[in-house]
Amino acid sequence: MPIVVPNSPVFSPPSPSLFCNKIETLALTLTHLKSAQSPSSSSSPSSPCSPLRVRLQKPLVGISSSSLASNSLSGSRLGSGSPQALLKRKRPARLDIPVVANGFGAPETLAADGRGFEEVEMEREGYGYSVYCKRGRRAVMEDRFSATVSLQGDSKQALFGIFDGHGGAKAAQFAAQNLDKNILREVSKMEERGIEDAVKCGYLNTDSEFLKEDVHGGSCCVTALIRKGNLVVSNAGDCRAVISNQGIAEALTSDHRPSREDEKDRVVSKVSSLSLHQILYCQHFGTEYQSLIRSFVYYSIKCAIVKFVLQGAYVDMIHGVWRIQGSLAVSRGIGDRNLKQWVIAEPETKICSIKPEHELLILASDGLWDKV
């Protein structure tokens, strides 16, 4: 899913929509900050007047065609072609994309099978950003995004996020609805600490709240906070942020995967600190080992298990991909209850000043970055 928006008070020159024809992608592109006429303070990206175009393969459940027509044609164009030109344009394969409130201004609706998905091709423009979404070959779209502009009435402050779900879309949906609020709440009371700590608390609070929901799944996250002329980029997982610096792509984040040496060491150190009782009940061992704990081979078993763990039993290579406990290929993110002692929600943050040579910023899930 990509998002692209021209003529923004935050990043103003228009940028073409980002299209990706690979597996499940979600990308967000911001254009560069220049002096431009700021929108009125009453404008809101979630209001019905926000520029929006949605092209449907079949009608959305619960939304009338007249309502869609009024929203999709409200004062914005995608590309420079006429409506006739758009009709001639070759369409990609039909997609199933969730209809959600985050950034699209439409209530979530359920299909007949209760999945909440309909076949659509969707593009959206907003103030300072644009988005494009494509599901790819998967049965459901698990990625989400959030976009909040004109923070506190300031057209040069905004917060954007991309959320790549795994094991279902619930964690990504929860993060898209709550992470921005939690970050902004912490930023508003950060007099005694720095912006980096405020963002960290926002991530950790969102993770704690999601774990209380008692649902499975997890989500990688990347966020970009534009505030007081600075760009604050944070990530947990393998969603990335890349900025164009005078036409040269510059990565602002580093993926959190078990293949990264420092992340692998962190996971292994957590495992080696577990008690013997906890290790014996992990998925790599059966409960029959409990009867051996009081036996004369207790010490030998303990040494063998610790050695096995330290050699990477919890970070396994599966079909060429390093995975935690043979399942998860990322080492940080929101959720992942069953792996929480190893998969942490603490983000890494980079802060830089926005300069004239910074032309655009792209936030995207690994569905894009793994193919470029």
Protein backbone atom coordinates (compact mmCIF):
# COMPACT_ATOMS: atom_id res chain seq x y z
CA MET A 1 0.00 0.00 0.00
CA PRO A 2 1.56 3.35 -1.04
CA ILE A 3 0.52 6.91 0.01
CA VAL A 4 1.53 10.08 -1.95
CA VAL A 5 0.39 13.70 -1.42
CA PRO A 6 1.36 16.90 -3.28
CA ASN A 7 1.23 20.58 -2.33
CA SER A 8 1.74 20.03 1.37
CA PRO A 9 2.57 22.74 3.90
CA VAL A 10 5.01 20.23 5.37
CA PHE A 11 6.68 18.89 2.24
CA SER A 12 5.30 20.84 -0.66
CA PRO A 13 6.42 19.89 -4.20
CA PRO A 14 4.15 17.25 -5.65
CA SER A 15 5.55 13.75 -5.81
CA PRO A 16 4.21 11.03 -8.11
CA SER A 17 2.42 8.12 -6.50
CA LEU A 18 4.63 5.20 -5.61
CA PHE A 19 3.47 1.98 -7.25
CA CYS A 20 4.83 -1.41 -6.28
CA ASN A 21 3.82 -4.56 -8.12
CA LYS A 22 5.39 -6.93 -5.65
CA ILE A 23 4.07 -8.84 -2.68
CA GLU A 24 2.06 -6.98 -0.02
CA THR A 25 3.49 -3.50 0.33
CA LEU A 26 2.62 -0.42 2.29
CA ALA A 27 4.52 2.77 1.62
CA LEU A 28 4.19 6.40 2.61
CA THR A 29 5.92 9.22 0.75
CA LEU A 30 6.39 12.78 2.01
CA THR A 31 7.44 15.66 -0.22
CA HIS A 32 9.90 18.43 0.70
CA LEU A 33 9.14 21.44 2.90
CA LYS A 34 8.95 24.73 1.06
CA SER A 35 7.17 27.99 1.64
CA ALA A 36 3.59 27.38 0.60
CA GLN A 37 0.23 28.75 1.49
CA SER A 38 -0.78 26.91 4.64
CA PRO A 39 -4.26 25.40 4.74
CA SER A 40 -6.73 26.94 7.12
CA SER A 41 -6.60 25.66 10.66
CA SER A 42 -10.08 24.25 10.27
CA SER A 43 -8.92 21.86 7.55
CA SER A 44 -8.37 18.27 8.60
CA PRO A 45 -6.98 15.31 6.68
CA SER A 46 -9.80 13.14 7.95
CA SER A 47 -12.54 15.55 6.95
CA PRO A 48 -14.79 14.81 3.98
CA CYS A 49 -13.07 17.64 2.11
CA SER A 50 -9.69 15.89 2.15
CA PRO A 51 -8.43 15.08 -1.35
CA LEU A 52 -9.32 11.46 -1.97
CA ARG A 53 -9.68 9.18 -4.94
CA VAL A 54 -10.67 5.55 -4.66
CA ARG A 55 -11.10 3.29 -7.69
CA LEU A 56 -13.33 0.31 -6.96
CA GLN A 57 -13.64 -3.02 -8.71
CA LYS A 58 -16.98 -3.55 -6.99
CA PRO A 59 -19.03 -1.43 -4.54
CA LEU A 60 -17.99 -1.33 -0.91
CA VAL A 61 -20.39 -2.81 1.58
CA GLY A 62 -22.32 -0.20 3.52
CA ILE A 63 -21.25 2.78 1.37
CA SER A 64 -23.49 4.11 -1.36
CA SER A 65 -22.12 4.78 -4.81
CA SER A 66 -23.22 8.40 -4.60
CA SER A 67 -21.29 8.84 -1.36
CA LEU A 68 -18.18 7.35 -2.89
CA ALA A 69 -18.50 9.56 -5.93
CA SER A 70 -18.72 12.70 -3.85
CA ASN A 71 -15.68 11.70 -1.75
CA SER A 72 -13.53 10.48 -4.61
CA LEU A 73 -13.96 13.61 -6.70
CA SER A 74 -13.72 16.22 -3.94
CA GLY A 75 -11.24 18.75 -5.25
CA SER A 76 -8.26 16.50 -6.04
CA ARG A 77 -6.76 14.67 -9.00
CA LEU A 78 -4.35 11.78 -9.09
CA GLY A 79 -2.03 12.34 -12.02
CA SER A 80 -2.59 14.81 -14.80
CA GLY A 81 -4.79 12.72 -17.08
CA SER A 82 -8.45 13.30 -17.72
CA PRO A 83 -11.11 10.82 -16.49
CA GLN A 84 -11.10 9.37 -20.02
CA ALA A 85 -7.36 8.86 -19.79
CA LEU A 86 -7.76 7.05 -16.50
CA LEU A 87 -10.24 4.67 -18.10
CA LYS A 88 -7.67 3.75 -20.74
CA ARG A 89 -5.00 3.05 -18.19
CA LYS A 90 -4.18 -0.64 -17.72
CA ARG A 91 -5.42 -1.80 -14.34
CA PRO A 92 -3.49 -4.25 -12.14
CA ALA A 93 -5.04 -7.43 -10.77
CA ARG A 94 -7.97 -7.09 -8.39
CA LEU A 95 -7.01 -6.48 -4.80
CA ASP A 96 -8.56 -7.09 -1.41
CA ILE A 97 -7.82 -4.05 0.77
CA PRO A 98 -9.34 -3.26 4.17
CA VAL A 99 -11.71 -0.33 4.48
CA VAL A 100 -10.50 1.34 7.66
CA ALA A 101 -10.87 4.71 9.28
CA ASN A 102 -7.14 5.33 9.61
CA GLY A 103 -6.32 7.95 7.03
CA PHE A 104 -9.11 7.14 4.61
CA GLY A 105 -12.07 8.80 6.31
CA ALA A 106 -14.36 5.81 5.76
CA PRO A 107 -15.84 3.62 8.49
CA GLU A 108 -14.73 0.01 8.67
CA THR A 109 -17.25 -2.27 7.02
CA LEU A 110 -17.55 -6.02 6.95
CA ALA A 111 -17.93 -8.20 3.91
CA ALA A 112 -20.43 -11.02 3.83
CA ASP A 113 -17.86 -13.43 5.26
CA GLY A 114 -17.01 -10.99 8.09
CA ARG A 115 -13.42 -10.36 7.00
CA GLY A 116 -13.86 -6.62 6.49
CA PHE A 117 -12.26 -6.64 3.02
CA GLU A 118 -13.50 -5.69 -0.45
CA GLU A 119 -11.80 -5.70 -3.81
CA VAL A 120 -10.48 -2.21 -4.51
CA GLU A 121 -7.58 -0.35 -6.02
CA MET A 122 -6.92 2.64 -3.84
CA GLU A 123 -4.87 5.80 -3.91
CA ARG A 124 -5.11 8.69 -1.51
CA GLU A 125 -3.76 12.22 -1.30
CA GLY A 126 -3.56 14.32 1.84
CA TYR A 127 -1.68 17.34 3.11
CA GLY A 128 2.02 16.51 2.85
CA TYR A 129 1.75 12.82 2.07
CA SER A 130 0.34 10.26 -0.34
CA VAL A 131 -0.40 6.57 0.04
CA TYR A 132 -0.79 3.54 -2.19
CA CYS A 133 -1.82 0.06 -1.14
CA LYS A 134 -1.51 -3.32 -2.80
CA ARG A 135 -2.25 -6.61 -1.12
CA GLY A 136 -0.20 -8.89 -3.36
CA ARG A 137 -0.66 -12.65 -3.23
CA ARG A 138 -1.75 -12.97 0.38
CA ALA A 139 -5.33 -13.77 1.31
CA VAL A 140 -5.68 -10.62 3.45
CA MET A 141 -3.99 -7.25 3.71
CA GLU A 142 -2.26 -7.05 7.10
CA ASP A 143 -0.59 -3.62 6.70
CA ARG A 144 -2.00 -0.34 8.01
CA PHE A 145 -0.97 3.31 8.10
CA SER A 146 -1.74 6.48 10.03
CA ALA A 147 -1.32 10.14 9.10
CA THR A 148 -1.86 13.11 11.41
CA VAL A 149 -1.07 16.58 10.06
CA SER A 150 -1.35 20.14 11.39
CA LEU A 151 -0.55 19.10 14.94
CA GLN A 152 -1.79 21.68 17.43
CA GLY A 153 -2.85 23.84 14.48
CA ASP A 154 0.70 24.04 13.13
CA SER A 155 0.80 23.08 9.44
CA LYS A 156 4.53 22.28 9.73
CA GLN A 157 4.04 19.56 12.33
CA ALA A 158 2.88 16.05 11.45
CA LEU A 159 3.15 12.40 12.45
CA PHE A 160 3.07 9.47 10.01
CA GLY A 161 3.28 5.73 10.55
CA ILE A 162 3.45 2.44 8.65
CA PHE A 163 2.49 -0.82 10.38
CA ASP A 164 3.27 -4.24 8.92
CA GLY A 165 1.19 -6.92 10.63
CA HIS A 166 2.00 -10.61 10.93
CA GLY A 167 -0.18 -13.39 12.28
CA GLY A 168 -3.21 -11.28 11.38
CA ALA A 169 -3.96 -7.58 11.06
CA LYS A 170 -5.13 -6.88 14.63
CA ALA A 171 -1.78 -5.65 15.96
CA ALA A 172 -1.20 -3.39 12.94
CA GLN A 173 -4.74 -2.04 13.24
CA PHE A 174 -4.30 -1.38 16.96
CA ALA A 175 -0.96 0.37 16.42
CA ALA A 176 -2.39 2.52 13.62
CA GLN A 177 -5.19 3.65 15.91
CA ASN A 178 -3.19 4.20 19.09
CA LEU A 179 0.56 4.67 18.56
CA ASP A 180 0.27 8.23 17.26
CA LYS A 181 -1.91 9.23 20.22
CA ASN A 182 0.48 7.67 22.71
CA ILE A 183 3.52 9.33 21.14
CA LEU A 184 1.89 12.76 21.08
CA ARG A 185 0.72 12.35 24.67
CA GLU A 186 4.28 11.61 25.80
CA VAL A 187 5.73 14.44 23.69
CA SER A 188 3.34 16.91 25.31
CA LYS A 189 4.75 16.14 28.77
CA MET A 190 8.42 15.65 27.93
CA GLU A 191 9.82 18.76 29.61
CA GLU A 192 11.99 16.62 31.85
CA ARG A 193 13.25 14.31 29.10
CA GLY A 194 14.12 14.23 25.43
CA ILE A 195 12.02 13.55 22.36
CA GLU A 196 13.67 10.14 21.91
CA ASP A 197 12.49 8.95 25.33
CA ALA A 198 9.01 10.30 24.64
CA VAL A 199 8.71 8.29 21.42
CA LYS A 200 10.08 5.21 23.18
CA CYS A 201 7.42 5.50 25.89
CA GLY A 202 4.77 5.86 23.20
CA TYR A 203 5.85 2.58 21.60
CA LEU A 204 6.10 0.71 24.91
CA ASN A 205 2.72 1.97 26.12
CA THR A 206 1.08 0.91 22.86
CA ASP A 207 2.62 -2.55 23.20
CA SER A 208 1.42 -2.91 26.80
CA GLU A 209 -2.10 -1.84 25.86
CA PHE A 210 -2.23 -4.31 22.96
CA LEU A 211 -1.06 -7.21 25.13
CA LYS A 212 -4.00 -6.53 27.45
CA GLU A 213 -6.33 -7.18 24.50
CA ASP A 214 -5.42 -10.89 24.74
CA VAL A 215 -5.16 -11.38 20.97
CA HIS A 216 -2.43 -12.95 18.90
CA GLY A 217 -0.24 -11.50 16.19
CA GLY A 218 2.21 -8.66 16.02
CA SER A 219 3.26 -5.68 13.94
CA CYS A 220 6.45 -3.99 12.83
CA CYS A 221 6.31 -0.19 12.97
CA VAL A 222 8.04 2.86 11.54
CA THR A 223 7.02 6.41 12.42
CA ALA A 224 8.12 9.87 11.33
CA LEU A 225 7.41 12.87 13.56
CA ILE A 226 7.93 16.31 12.01
CA ARG A 227 8.30 18.86 14.80
CA LYS A 228 10.05 22.21 15.14
CA GLY A 229 12.06 21.73 11.96
CA ASN A 230 13.29 18.28 12.97
CA LEU A 231 12.51 14.85 11.57
CA VAL A 232 12.23 12.16 14.26
CA VAL A 233 12.21 8.68 12.70
CA SER A 234 11.69 5.58 14.86
CA ASN A 235 11.27 1.91 14.00
CA ALA A 236 10.72 -1.46 15.63
CA GLY A 237 10.98 -4.35 13.17
CA ASP A 238 11.76 -4.32 9.46
CA CYS A 239 9.68 -1.40 8.19
CA ARG A 240 12.09 1.23 6.87
CA ALA A 241 12.42 4.96 6.36
CA VAL A 242 14.49 6.28 3.44
CA ILE A 243 15.03 9.97 2.65
CA SER A 244 16.11 11.49 -0.66
CA ASN A 245 19.08 13.78 -0.04
CA GLN A 246 19.82 15.68 -3.27
CA GLY A 247 18.61 12.68 -5.25
CA ILE A 248 20.59 10.14 -3.23
CA ALA A 249 18.69 7.60 -1.12
CA GLU A 250 19.74 7.64 2.52
CA ALA A 251 18.47 5.00 4.97
CA LEU A 252 17.31 6.40 8.31
CA THR A 253 16.51 3.06 9.95
CA SER A 254 18.07 -0.37 10.37
CA ASP A 255 15.99 -3.56 10.29
CA HIS A 256 15.53 -5.48 13.55
CA ARG A 257 16.02 -9.08 12.48
CA PRO A 258 17.66 -12.11 14.15
CA SER A 259 20.27 -12.02 11.39
CA ARG A 260 21.63 -8.76 12.84
CA GLU A 261 24.47 -9.69 15.16
CA ASP A 262 23.56 -7.35 18.01
CA GLU A 263 19.92 -8.45 17.87
CA LYS A 264 20.91 -12.12 17.84
CA ASP A 265 23.18 -11.55 20.84
CA ARG A 266 20.36 -9.80 22.70
CA VAL A 267 17.97 -12.70 22.08
CA VAL A 268 20.55 -15.31 23.12
CA SER A 269 21.45 -13.42 26.29
CA LYS A 270 17.79 -13.31 27.26
CA VAL A 271 17.47 -17.05 26.74
CA SER A 272 20.63 -17.91 28.69
CA SER A 273 19.31 -15.99 31.70
CA LEU A 274 16.16 -18.14 31.90
CA SER A 275 15.81 -20.65 34.68
CA LEU A 276 16.20 -24.35 33.94
CA HIS A 277 12.52 -24.90 34.63
CA GLN A 278 11.54 -22.34 31.97
CA ILE A 279 13.95 -23.79 29.43
CA LEU A 280 12.67 -27.34 29.93
CA TYR A 281 9.17 -26.21 29.07
CA CYS A 282 10.07 -24.34 25.89
CA GLN A 283 8.85 -25.66 22.57
CA HIS A 284 12.17 -27.38 21.86
CA PHE A 285 11.75 -29.82 24.76
CA GLY A 286 8.97 -32.11 25.95
CA THR A 287 7.52 -32.26 29.46
CA GLU A 288 9.07 -35.71 29.96
CA TYR A 289 12.29 -33.92 30.96
CA GLN A 290 10.63 -32.83 34.20
CA SER A 291 11.08 -36.29 35.66
CA LEU A 292 14.81 -35.99 35.10
CA ILE A 293 15.27 -32.80 37.11
CA ARG A 294 15.65 -34.65 40.43
CA SER A 295 17.77 -37.39 38.93
CA PHE A 296 21.52 -37.76 39.20
CA VAL A 297 21.94 -36.35 35.66
CA TYR A 298 20.48 -32.97 36.65
CA TYR A 299 23.76 -31.12 36.25
CA SER A 300 24.58 -32.74 32.90
CA ILE A 301 21.16 -31.89 31.48
CA LYS A 302 21.44 -28.28 32.62
CA CYS A 303 24.85 -27.86 31.01
CA ALA A 304 23.71 -29.50 27.78
CA ILE A 305 20.61 -27.30 27.53
CA VAL A 306 22.47 -24.07 28.22
CA LYS A 307 25.09 -25.00 25.63
CA PHE A 308 22.33 -25.83 23.13
CA VAL A 309 20.65 -22.47 23.74
CA LEU A 310 23.86 -20.46 23.48
CA GLN A 311 24.66 -22.12 20.17
CA GLY A 312 21.50 -20.59 18.69
CA ALA A 313 18.66 -22.97 19.44
CA TYR A 314 16.36 -19.96 19.77
CA VAL A 315 17.64 -18.27 16.62
CA ASP A 316 17.34 -20.86 13.88
CA MET A 317 18.04 -20.74 10.16
CA ILE A 318 14.86 -21.86 8.36
CA HIS A 319 14.99 -21.98 4.55
CA GLY A 320 17.76 -19.41 4.52
CA VAL A 321 16.05 -16.99 6.95
CA TRP A 322 17.05 -16.47 10.58
CA ARG A 323 14.00 -16.86 12.85
CA ILE A 324 13.35 -16.67 16.58
CA GLN A 325 12.24 -20.11 17.80
CA GLY A 326 12.01 -21.11 14.18
CA SER A 327 9.00 -18.87 13.55
CA LEU A 328 9.40 -15.07 13.60
CA ALA A 329 11.86 -13.33 11.26
CA VAL A 330 11.87 -10.00 13.15
CA SER A 331 13.21 -9.29 16.63
CA ARG A 332 11.24 -6.15 17.57
CA GLY A 333 7.66 -5.04 17.19
CA ILE A 334 4.27 -4.51 18.80
CA GLY A 335 2.55 -7.64 20.13
CA ASP A 336 3.86 -11.21 19.61
CA ARG A 337 2.71 -12.28 23.06
CA ASN A 338 4.20 -15.79 22.90
CA LEU A 339 7.67 -14.39 22.06
CA LYS A 340 7.50 -11.22 24.14
CA GLN A 341 10.56 -11.99 26.27
CA TRP A 342 12.67 -11.80 23.09
CA VAL A 343 10.64 -9.62 20.71
CA ILE A 344 10.68 -6.19 22.34
CA ALA A 345 8.76 -3.05 21.35
CA GLU A 346 11.56 -0.60 22.13
CA PRO A 347 12.30 1.42 18.96
CA GLU A 348 15.53 2.84 17.63
CA THR A 349 15.27 6.56 16.88
CA LYS A 350 17.19 8.94 14.64
CA ILE A 351 16.75 12.72 14.74
CA CYS A 352 17.87 15.04 11.95
CA SER A 353 17.16 18.61 10.89
CA ILE A 354 15.00 19.10 7.80
CA LYS A 355 17.12 20.79 5.14
CA PRO A 356 16.37 22.16 1.65
CA GLU A 357 18.23 19.23 0.06
CA HIS A 358 15.83 16.77 1.70
CA GLU A 359 13.42 16.23 -1.19
CA LEU A 360 11.14 13.46 0.04
CA LEU A 361 10.76 10.77 2.68
CA ILE A 362 9.47 7.24 2.07
CA LEU A 363 8.12 4.99 4.81
CA ALA A 364 7.36 1.44 3.68
CA SER A 365 6.99 -2.16 4.79
CA ASP A 366 9.38 -4.91 3.78
CA GLY A 367 7.14 -5.91 0.87
CA LEU A 368 8.63 -2.93 -0.96
CA TRP A 369 12.17 -2.84 0.39
CA ASP A 370 12.83 -6.55 -0.20
CA LYS A 371 12.26 -5.97 -3.92
CA VAL A 372 14.20 -2.74 -4.56
